[in-house]
Amino acid sequence: KNPLGGARVGVETPPGRFQATNTPLRFLIR
């Protein structure tokens, strides 16, 4: 869980890695 919140949401998918930052589950589903 990200306790800081805020408006910025990030998703990165370089080869071999998936990184999601401060992301709601609903956005991950989308």
PDB file of all heavy atoms in Angstrom:
ATOM      1  N   LYS A   1       0.837  -1.190   0.000  1.00  0.00           N
ATOM      2  CA  LYS A   1       0.000   0.000   0.000  1.00  0.00           C
ATOM      3  C   LYS A   1       0.876   1.246   0.000  1.00  0.00           C
ATOM      4  O   LYS A   1       1.901   1.290   0.676  1.00  0.00           O
ATOM      5  CB  LYS A   1      -0.931   0.017   1.217  1.00  0.00           C
ATOM      6  CG  LYS A   1      -2.229  -0.725   0.992  1.00  0.00           C
ATOM      7  CD  LYS A   1      -3.253  -0.378   2.054  1.00  0.00           C
ATOM      8  CE  LYS A   1      -4.607  -1.013   1.717  1.00  0.00           C
ATOM      9  NZ  LYS A   1      -5.631  -0.680   2.714  1.00  0.00           N
ATOM     10  N   ASN A   2       0.457   2.237  -0.761  1.00  0.00           N
ATOM     11  CA  ASN A   2       1.162   3.519  -0.787  1.00  0.00           C
ATOM     12  C   ASN A   2       0.410   4.478   0.132  1.00  0.00           C
ATOM     13  O   ASN A   2      -0.709   4.885  -0.181  1.00  0.00           O
ATOM     14  CB  ASN A   2       1.212   4.068  -2.212  1.00  0.00           C
ATOM     15  CG  ASN A   2       2.024   5.339  -2.325  1.00  0.00           C
ATOM     16  OD1 ASN A   2       1.911   6.239  -1.505  1.00  0.00           O
ATOM     17  ND2 ASN A   2       2.838   5.423  -3.353  1.00  0.00           N
ATOM     18  N   PRO A   3       1.005   4.864   1.280  1.00  0.00           N
ATOM     19  CA  PRO A   3       0.292   5.691   2.242  1.00  0.00           C
ATOM     20  C   PRO A   3       0.274   7.173   1.881  1.00  0.00           C
ATOM     21  O   PRO A   3      -0.467   7.954   2.484  1.00  0.00           O
ATOM     22  CB  PRO A   3       1.089   5.466   3.539  1.00  0.00           C
ATOM     23  CG  PRO A   3       2.481   5.219   3.056  1.00  0.00           C
ATOM     24  CD  PRO A   3       2.342   4.476   1.762  1.00  0.00           C
ATOM     25  N   LEU A   4       1.065   7.578   0.897  1.00  0.00           N
ATOM     26  CA  LEU A   4       1.195   9.005   0.585  1.00  0.00           C
ATOM     27  C   LEU A   4       0.066   9.514  -0.303  1.00  0.00           C
ATOM     28  O   LEU A   4      -0.362  10.655  -0.194  1.00  0.00           O
ATOM     29  CB  LEU A   4       2.547   9.269  -0.080  1.00  0.00           C
ATOM     30  CG  LEU A   4       3.776   8.882   0.753  1.00  0.00           C
ATOM     31  CD1 LEU A   4       5.057   9.169  -0.024  1.00  0.00           C
ATOM     32  CD2 LEU A   4       3.777   9.634   2.078  1.00  0.00           C
ATOM     33  N   GLY A   5      -0.424   8.677  -1.210  1.00  0.00           N
ATOM     34  CA  GLY A   5      -1.503   9.093  -2.103  1.00  0.00           C
ATOM     35  C   GLY A   5      -1.044  10.147  -3.087  1.00  0.00           C
ATOM     36  O   GLY A   5       0.070  10.096  -3.597  1.00  0.00           O
ATOM     37  N   GLY A   6      -1.894  11.129  -3.348  1.00  0.00           N
ATOM     38  CA  GLY A   6      -1.570  12.151  -4.327  1.00  0.00           C
ATOM     39  C   GLY A   6      -2.176  11.829  -5.680  1.00  0.00           C
ATOM     40  O   GLY A   6      -2.755  10.771  -5.890  1.00  0.00           O
ATOM     41  N   ALA A   7      -2.016  12.758  -6.630  1.00  0.00           N
ATOM     42  CA  ALA A   7      -2.665  12.618  -7.935  1.00  0.00           C
ATOM     43  C   ALA A   7      -1.826  11.838  -8.932  1.00  0.00           C
ATOM     44  O   ALA A   7      -2.352  11.292  -9.897  1.00  0.00           O
ATOM     45  CB  ALA A   7      -2.978  14.001  -8.508  1.00  0.00           C
ATOM     46  N   ARG A   8      -0.506  11.767  -8.729  1.00  0.00           N
ATOM     47  CA  ARG A   8       0.352  11.155  -9.728  1.00  0.00           C
ATOM     48  C   ARG A   8       0.286   9.630  -9.672  1.00  0.00           C
ATOM     49  O   ARG A   8       0.470   9.026  -8.620  1.00  0.00           O
ATOM     50  CB  ARG A   8       1.799  11.616  -9.549  1.00  0.00           C
ATOM     51  CG  ARG A   8       2.737  11.127 -10.646  1.00  0.00           C
ATOM     52  CD  ARG A   8       4.106  11.731 -10.477  1.00  0.00           C
ATOM     53  NE  ARG A   8       4.056  13.170 -10.658  1.00  0.00           N
ATOM     54  CZ  ARG A   8       4.097  13.787 -11.836  1.00  0.00           C
ATOM     55  NH1 ARG A   8       4.157  13.062 -12.938  1.00  0.00           N
ATOM     56  NH2 ARG A   8       4.058  15.098 -11.915  1.00  0.00           N
ATOM     57  N   VAL A   9       0.016   9.027 -10.815  1.00  0.00           N
ATOM     58  CA  VAL A   9      -0.043   7.574 -10.965  1.00  0.00           C
ATOM     59  C   VAL A   9       0.940   7.184 -12.052  1.00  0.00           C
ATOM     60  O   VAL A   9       1.009   7.846 -13.093  1.00  0.00           O
ATOM     61  CB  VAL A   9      -1.462   7.112 -11.345  1.00  0.00           C
ATOM     62  CG1 VAL A   9      -1.479   5.628 -11.653  1.00  0.00           C
ATOM     63  CG2 VAL A   9      -2.455   7.443 -10.232  1.00  0.00           C
ATOM     64  N   GLY A  10       1.712   6.133 -11.818  1.00  0.00           N
ATOM     65  CA  GLY A  10       2.698   5.745 -12.813  1.00  0.00           C
ATOM     66  C   GLY A  10       2.703   4.256 -13.088  1.00  0.00           C
ATOM     67  O   GLY A  10       2.588   3.449 -12.174  1.00  0.00           O
ATOM     68  N   VAL A  11       2.836   3.895 -14.367  1.00  0.00           N
ATOM     69  CA  VAL A  11       2.989   2.496 -14.781  1.00  0.00           C
ATOM     70  C   VAL A  11       4.138   2.434 -15.778  1.00  0.00           C
ATOM     71  O   VAL A  11       4.137   3.155 -16.780  1.00  0.00           O
ATOM     72  CB  VAL A  11       1.702   1.934 -15.413  1.00  0.00           C
ATOM     73  CG1 VAL A  11       1.965   0.566 -16.021  1.00  0.00           C
ATOM     74  CG2 VAL A  11       0.591   1.838 -14.384  1.00  0.00           C
ATOM     75  N   GLU A  12       5.130   1.590 -15.501  1.00  0.00           N
ATOM     76  CA  GLU A  12       6.275   1.404 -16.392  1.00  0.00           C
ATOM     77  C   GLU A  12       6.410  -0.078 -16.734  1.00  0.00           C
ATOM     78  O   GLU A  12       6.238  -0.937 -15.860  1.00  0.00           O
ATOM     79  CB  GLU A  12       7.559   1.896 -15.724  1.00  0.00           C
ATOM     80  CG  GLU A  12       7.532   3.373 -15.347  1.00  0.00           C
ATOM     81  CD  GLU A  12       8.800   3.784 -14.616  1.00  0.00           C
ATOM     82  OE1 GLU A  12       9.860   3.182 -14.893  1.00  0.00           O
ATOM     83  OE2 GLU A  12       8.728   4.690 -13.773  1.00  0.00           O
ATOM     84  N   THR A  13       6.723  -0.356 -18.002  1.00  0.00           N
ATOM     85  CA  THR A  13       6.836  -1.754 -18.443  1.00  0.00           C
ATOM     86  C   THR A  13       8.084  -1.978 -19.285  1.00  0.00           C
ATOM     87  O   THR A  13       7.984  -2.438 -20.427  1.00  0.00           O
ATOM     88  CB  THR A  13       5.583  -2.175 -19.230  1.00  0.00           C
ATOM     89  OG1 THR A  13       5.460  -1.307 -20.395  1.00  0.00           O
ATOM     90  CG2 THR A  13       4.335  -2.088 -18.386  1.00  0.00           C
ATOM     91  N   PRO A  14       9.271  -1.663 -18.765  1.00  0.00           N
ATOM     92  CA  PRO A  14      10.479  -1.996 -19.528  1.00  0.00           C
ATOM     93  C   PRO A  14      10.622  -3.509 -19.610  1.00  0.00           C
ATOM     94  O   PRO A  14      10.036  -4.239 -18.791  1.00  0.00           O
ATOM     95  CB  PRO A  14      11.595  -1.368 -18.681  1.00  0.00           C
ATOM     96  CG  PRO A  14      11.056  -1.344 -17.298  1.00  0.00           C
ATOM     97  CD  PRO A  14       9.584  -1.091 -17.442  1.00  0.00           C
ATOM     98  N   PRO A  15      11.377  -4.034 -20.598  1.00  0.00           N
ATOM     99  CA  PRO A  15      11.507  -5.488 -20.746  1.00  0.00           C
ATOM    100  C   PRO A  15      11.922  -6.171 -19.438  1.00  0.00           C
ATOM    101  O   PRO A  15      12.892  -5.785 -18.800  1.00  0.00           O
ATOM    102  CB  PRO A  15      12.604  -5.617 -21.816  1.00  0.00           C
ATOM    103  CG  PRO A  15      12.477  -4.368 -22.625  1.00  0.00           C
ATOM    104  CD  PRO A  15      12.105  -3.291 -21.641  1.00  0.00           C
ATOM    105  N   GLY A  16      11.123  -7.155 -19.042  1.00  0.00           N
ATOM    106  CA  GLY A  16      11.426  -7.921 -17.854  1.00  0.00           C
ATOM    107  C   GLY A  16      10.934  -7.343 -16.548  1.00  0.00           C
ATOM    108  O   GLY A  16      11.137  -7.943 -15.494  1.00  0.00           O
ATOM    109  N   ARG A  17      10.227  -6.208 -16.613  1.00  0.00           N
ATOM    110  CA  ARG A  17       9.805  -5.581 -15.351  1.00  0.00           C
ATOM    111  C   ARG A  17       8.467  -4.859 -15.505  1.00  0.00           C
ATOM    112  O   ARG A  17       8.194  -4.260 -16.544  1.00  0.00           O
ATOM    113  CB  ARG A  17      10.869  -4.579 -14.885  1.00  0.00           C
ATOM    114  CG  ARG A  17      10.595  -3.977 -13.514  1.00  0.00           C
ATOM    115  CD  ARG A  17      11.838  -3.260 -12.988  1.00  0.00           C
ATOM    116  NE  ARG A  17      12.190  -2.113 -13.790  1.00  0.00           N
ATOM    117  CZ  ARG A  17      11.714  -0.874 -13.580  1.00  0.00           C
ATOM    118  NH1 ARG A  17      10.876  -0.661 -12.582  1.00  0.00           N
ATOM    119  NH2 ARG A  17      12.094   0.120 -14.354  1.00  0.00           N
ATOM    120  N   PHE A  18       7.650  -4.933 -14.462  1.00  0.00           N
ATOM    121  CA  PHE A  18       6.400  -4.163 -14.379  1.00  0.00           C
ATOM    122  C   PHE A  18       6.436  -3.364 -13.085  1.00  0.00           C
ATOM    123  O   PHE A  18       6.663  -3.922 -12.010  1.00  0.00           O
ATOM    124  CB  PHE A  18       5.174  -5.076 -14.381  1.00  0.00           C
ATOM    125  CG  PHE A  18       3.876  -4.339 -14.188  1.00  0.00           C
ATOM    126  CD1 PHE A  18       3.248  -3.703 -15.247  1.00  0.00           C
ATOM    127  CD2 PHE A  18       3.285  -4.257 -12.929  1.00  0.00           C
ATOM    128  CE1 PHE A  18       2.067  -3.006 -15.066  1.00  0.00           C
ATOM    129  CE2 PHE A  18       2.113  -3.574 -12.739  1.00  0.00           C
ATOM    130  CZ  PHE A  18       1.492  -2.945 -13.809  1.00  0.00           C
ATOM    131  N   GLN A  19       6.251  -2.054 -13.203  1.00  0.00           N
ATOM    132  CA  GLN A  19       6.301  -1.174 -12.038  1.00  0.00           C
ATOM    133  C   GLN A  19       5.081  -0.256 -12.060  1.00  0.00           C
ATOM    134  O   GLN A  19       4.871   0.488 -13.006  1.00  0.00           O
ATOM    135  CB  GLN A  19       7.577  -0.326 -12.074  1.00  0.00           C
ATOM    136  CG  GLN A  19       7.829   0.491 -10.816  1.00  0.00           C
ATOM    137  CD  GLN A  19       8.397  -0.349  -9.681  1.00  0.00           C
ATOM    138  OE1 GLN A  19       9.193  -1.253  -9.923  1.00  0.00           O
ATOM    139  NE2 GLN A  19       7.984  -0.068  -8.464  1.00  0.00           N
ATOM    140  N   ALA A  20       4.256  -0.326 -11.009  1.00  0.00           N
ATOM    141  CA  ALA A  20       3.106   0.569 -10.850  1.00  0.00           C
ATOM    142  C   ALA A  20       3.276   1.325  -9.541  1.00  0.00           C
ATOM    143  O   ALA A  20       3.559   0.722  -8.505  1.00  0.00           O
ATOM    144  CB  ALA A  20       1.801  -0.208 -10.845  1.00  0.00           C
ATOM    145  N   THR A  21       3.130   2.642  -9.586  1.00  0.00           N
ATOM    146  CA  THR A  21       3.355   3.482  -8.407  1.00  0.00           C
ATOM    147  C   THR A  21       2.097   4.265  -8.065  1.00  0.00           C
ATOM    148  O   THR A  21       1.502   4.904  -8.943  1.00  0.00           O
ATOM    149  CB  THR A  21       4.518   4.461  -8.655  1.00  0.00           C
ATOM    150  OG1 THR A  21       5.681   3.723  -9.052  1.00  0.00           O
ATOM    151  CG2 THR A  21       4.832   5.258  -7.397  1.00  0.00           C
ATOM    152  N   ASN A  22       1.679   4.185  -6.795  1.00  0.00           N
ATOM    153  CA  ASN A  22       0.540   4.958  -6.301  1.00  0.00           C
ATOM    154  C   ASN A  22      -0.705   4.697  -7.151  1.00  0.00           C
ATOM    155  O   ASN A  22      -1.442   5.607  -7.503  1.00  0.00           O
ATOM    156  CB  ASN A  22       0.885   6.462  -6.308  1.00  0.00           C
ATOM    157  CG  ASN A  22      -0.128   7.289  -5.539  1.00  0.00           C
ATOM    158  OD1 ASN A  22      -0.625   6.867  -4.490  1.00  0.00           O
ATOM    159  ND2 ASN A  22      -0.437   8.465  -6.050  1.00  0.00           N
ATOM    160  N   THR A  23      -0.954   3.440  -7.459  1.00  0.00           N
ATOM    161  CA  THR A  23      -1.971   3.072  -8.440  1.00  0.00           C
ATOM    162  C   THR A  23      -3.166   2.382  -7.793  1.00  0.00           C
ATOM    163  O   THR A  23      -2.998   1.400  -7.071  1.00  0.00           O
ATOM    164  CB  THR A  23      -1.360   2.131  -9.493  1.00  0.00           C
ATOM    165  OG1 THR A  23      -0.164   2.709 -10.007  1.00  0.00           O
ATOM    166  CG2 THR A  23      -2.332   1.906 -10.632  1.00  0.00           C
ATOM    167  N   PRO A  24      -4.388   2.857  -8.043  1.00  0.00           N
ATOM    168  CA  PRO A  24      -5.582   2.149  -7.545  1.00  0.00           C
ATOM    169  C   PRO A  24      -5.746   0.810  -8.264  1.00  0.00           C
ATOM    170  O   PRO A  24      -5.359   0.663  -9.428  1.00  0.00           O
ATOM    171  CB  PRO A  24      -6.739   3.103  -7.899  1.00  0.00           C
ATOM    172  CG  PRO A  24      -6.104   4.413  -8.228  1.00  0.00           C
ATOM    173  CD  PRO A  24      -4.751   4.095  -8.758  1.00  0.00           C
ATOM    174  N   LEU A  25      -6.320  -0.152  -7.574  1.00  0.00           N
ATOM    175  CA  LEU A  25      -6.583  -1.447  -8.194  1.00  0.00           C
ATOM    176  C   LEU A  25      -7.466  -1.282  -9.419  1.00  0.00           C
ATOM    177  O   LEU A  25      -7.289  -1.971 -10.433  1.00  0.00           O
ATOM    178  CB  LEU A  25      -7.242  -2.389  -7.184  1.00  0.00           C
ATOM    179  CG  LEU A  25      -7.712  -3.735  -7.734  1.00  0.00           C
ATOM    180  CD1 LEU A  25      -6.566  -4.509  -8.358  1.00  0.00           C
ATOM    181  CD2 LEU A  25      -8.400  -4.550  -6.654  1.00  0.00           C
ATOM    182  N   ARG A  26      -8.423  -0.380  -9.358  1.00  0.00           N
ATOM    183  CA  ARG A  26      -9.331  -0.177 -10.495  1.00  0.00           C
ATOM    184  C   ARG A  26      -8.556   0.208 -11.752  1.00  0.00           C
ATOM    185  O   ARG A  26      -8.893  -0.219 -12.859  1.00  0.00           O
ATOM    186  CB  ARG A  26     -10.377   0.879 -10.144  1.00  0.00           C
ATOM    187  CG  ARG A  26     -11.582   0.883 -11.077  1.00  0.00           C
ATOM    188  CD  ARG A  26     -12.679   1.791 -10.556  1.00  0.00           C
ATOM    189  NE  ARG A  26     -13.859   1.737 -11.386  1.00  0.00           N
ATOM    190  CZ  ARG A  26     -14.867   0.910 -11.206  1.00  0.00           C
ATOM    191  NH1 ARG A  26     -14.849   0.065 -10.194  1.00  0.00           N
ATOM    192  NH2 ARG A  26     -15.902   0.910 -12.020  1.00  0.00           N
ATOM    193  N   PHE A  27      -7.505   1.011 -11.576  1.00  0.00           N
ATOM    194  CA  PHE A  27      -6.690   1.389 -12.735  1.00  0.00           C
ATOM    195  C   PHE A  27      -5.898   0.185 -13.251  1.00  0.00           C
ATOM    196  O   PHE A  27      -5.747   0.006 -14.463  1.00  0.00           O
ATOM    197  CB  PHE A  27      -5.738   2.529 -12.390  1.00  0.00           C
ATOM    198  CG  PHE A  27      -4.894   2.969 -13.549  1.00  0.00           C
ATOM    199  CD1 PHE A  27      -5.426   3.790 -14.523  1.00  0.00           C
ATOM    200  CD2 PHE A  27      -3.585   2.539 -13.681  1.00  0.00           C
ATOM    201  CE1 PHE A  27      -4.661   4.185 -15.610  1.00  0.00           C
ATOM    202  CE2 PHE A  27      -2.810   2.922 -14.760  1.00  0.00           C
ATOM    203  CZ  PHE A  27      -3.345   3.750 -15.722  1.00  0.00           C
ATOM    204  N   LEU A  28      -5.388  -0.660 -12.342  1.00  0.00           N
ATOM    205  CA  LEU A  28      -4.668  -1.853 -12.772  1.00  0.00           C
ATOM    206  C   LEU A  28      -5.591  -2.797 -13.549  1.00  0.00           C
ATOM    207  O   LEU A  28      -5.172  -3.443 -14.520  1.00  0.00           O
ATOM    208  CB  LEU A  28      -4.080  -2.576 -11.564  1.00  0.00           C
ATOM    209  CG  LEU A  28      -2.957  -1.849 -10.823  1.00  0.00           C
ATOM    210  CD1 LEU A  28      -2.586  -2.598  -9.551  1.00  0.00           C
ATOM    211  CD2 LEU A  28      -1.737  -1.687 -11.728  1.00  0.00           C
ATOM    212  N   ILE A  29      -6.848  -2.874 -13.123  1.00  0.00           N
ATOM    213  CA  ILE A  29      -7.825  -3.678 -13.854  1.00  0.00           C
ATOM    214  C   ILE A  29      -8.037  -3.096 -15.250  1.00  0.00           C
ATOM    215  O   ILE A  29      -8.022  -3.818 -16.257  1.00  0.00           O
ATOM    216  CB  ILE A  29      -9.163  -3.749 -13.088  1.00  0.00           C
ATOM    217  CG1 ILE A  29      -8.973  -4.500 -11.760  1.00  0.00           C
ATOM    218  CG2 ILE A  29     -10.236  -4.421 -13.931  1.00  0.00           C
ATOM    219  CD1 ILE A  29     -10.177  -4.449 -10.845  1.00  0.00           C
ATOM    220  N   ARG A  30      -8.225  -1.791 -15.308  1.00  0.00           N
ATOM    221  CA  ARG A  30      -8.423  -1.131 -16.599  1.00  0.00           C
ATOM    222  C   ARG A  30      -7.242  -1.358 -17.517  1.00  0.00           C
ATOM    223  O   ARG A  30      -7.400  -1.670 -18.710  1.00  0.00           O
ATOM    224  CB  ARG A  30      -8.628   0.371 -16.378  1.00  0.00           C
ATOM    225  CG  ARG A  30      -9.954   0.739 -15.768  1.00  0.00           C
ATOM    226  CD  ARG A  30      -9.917   2.120 -15.128  1.00  0.00           C
ATOM    227  NE  ARG A  30      -9.430   3.149 -16.025  1.00  0.00           N
ATOM    228  CZ  ARG A  30      -9.181   4.395 -15.646  1.00  0.00           C
ATOM    229  NH1 ARG A  30      -9.374   4.746 -14.392  1.00  0.00           N
ATOM    230  NH2 ARG A  30      -8.754   5.286 -16.499  1.00  0.00           N
TER     231      ARG A  30
END
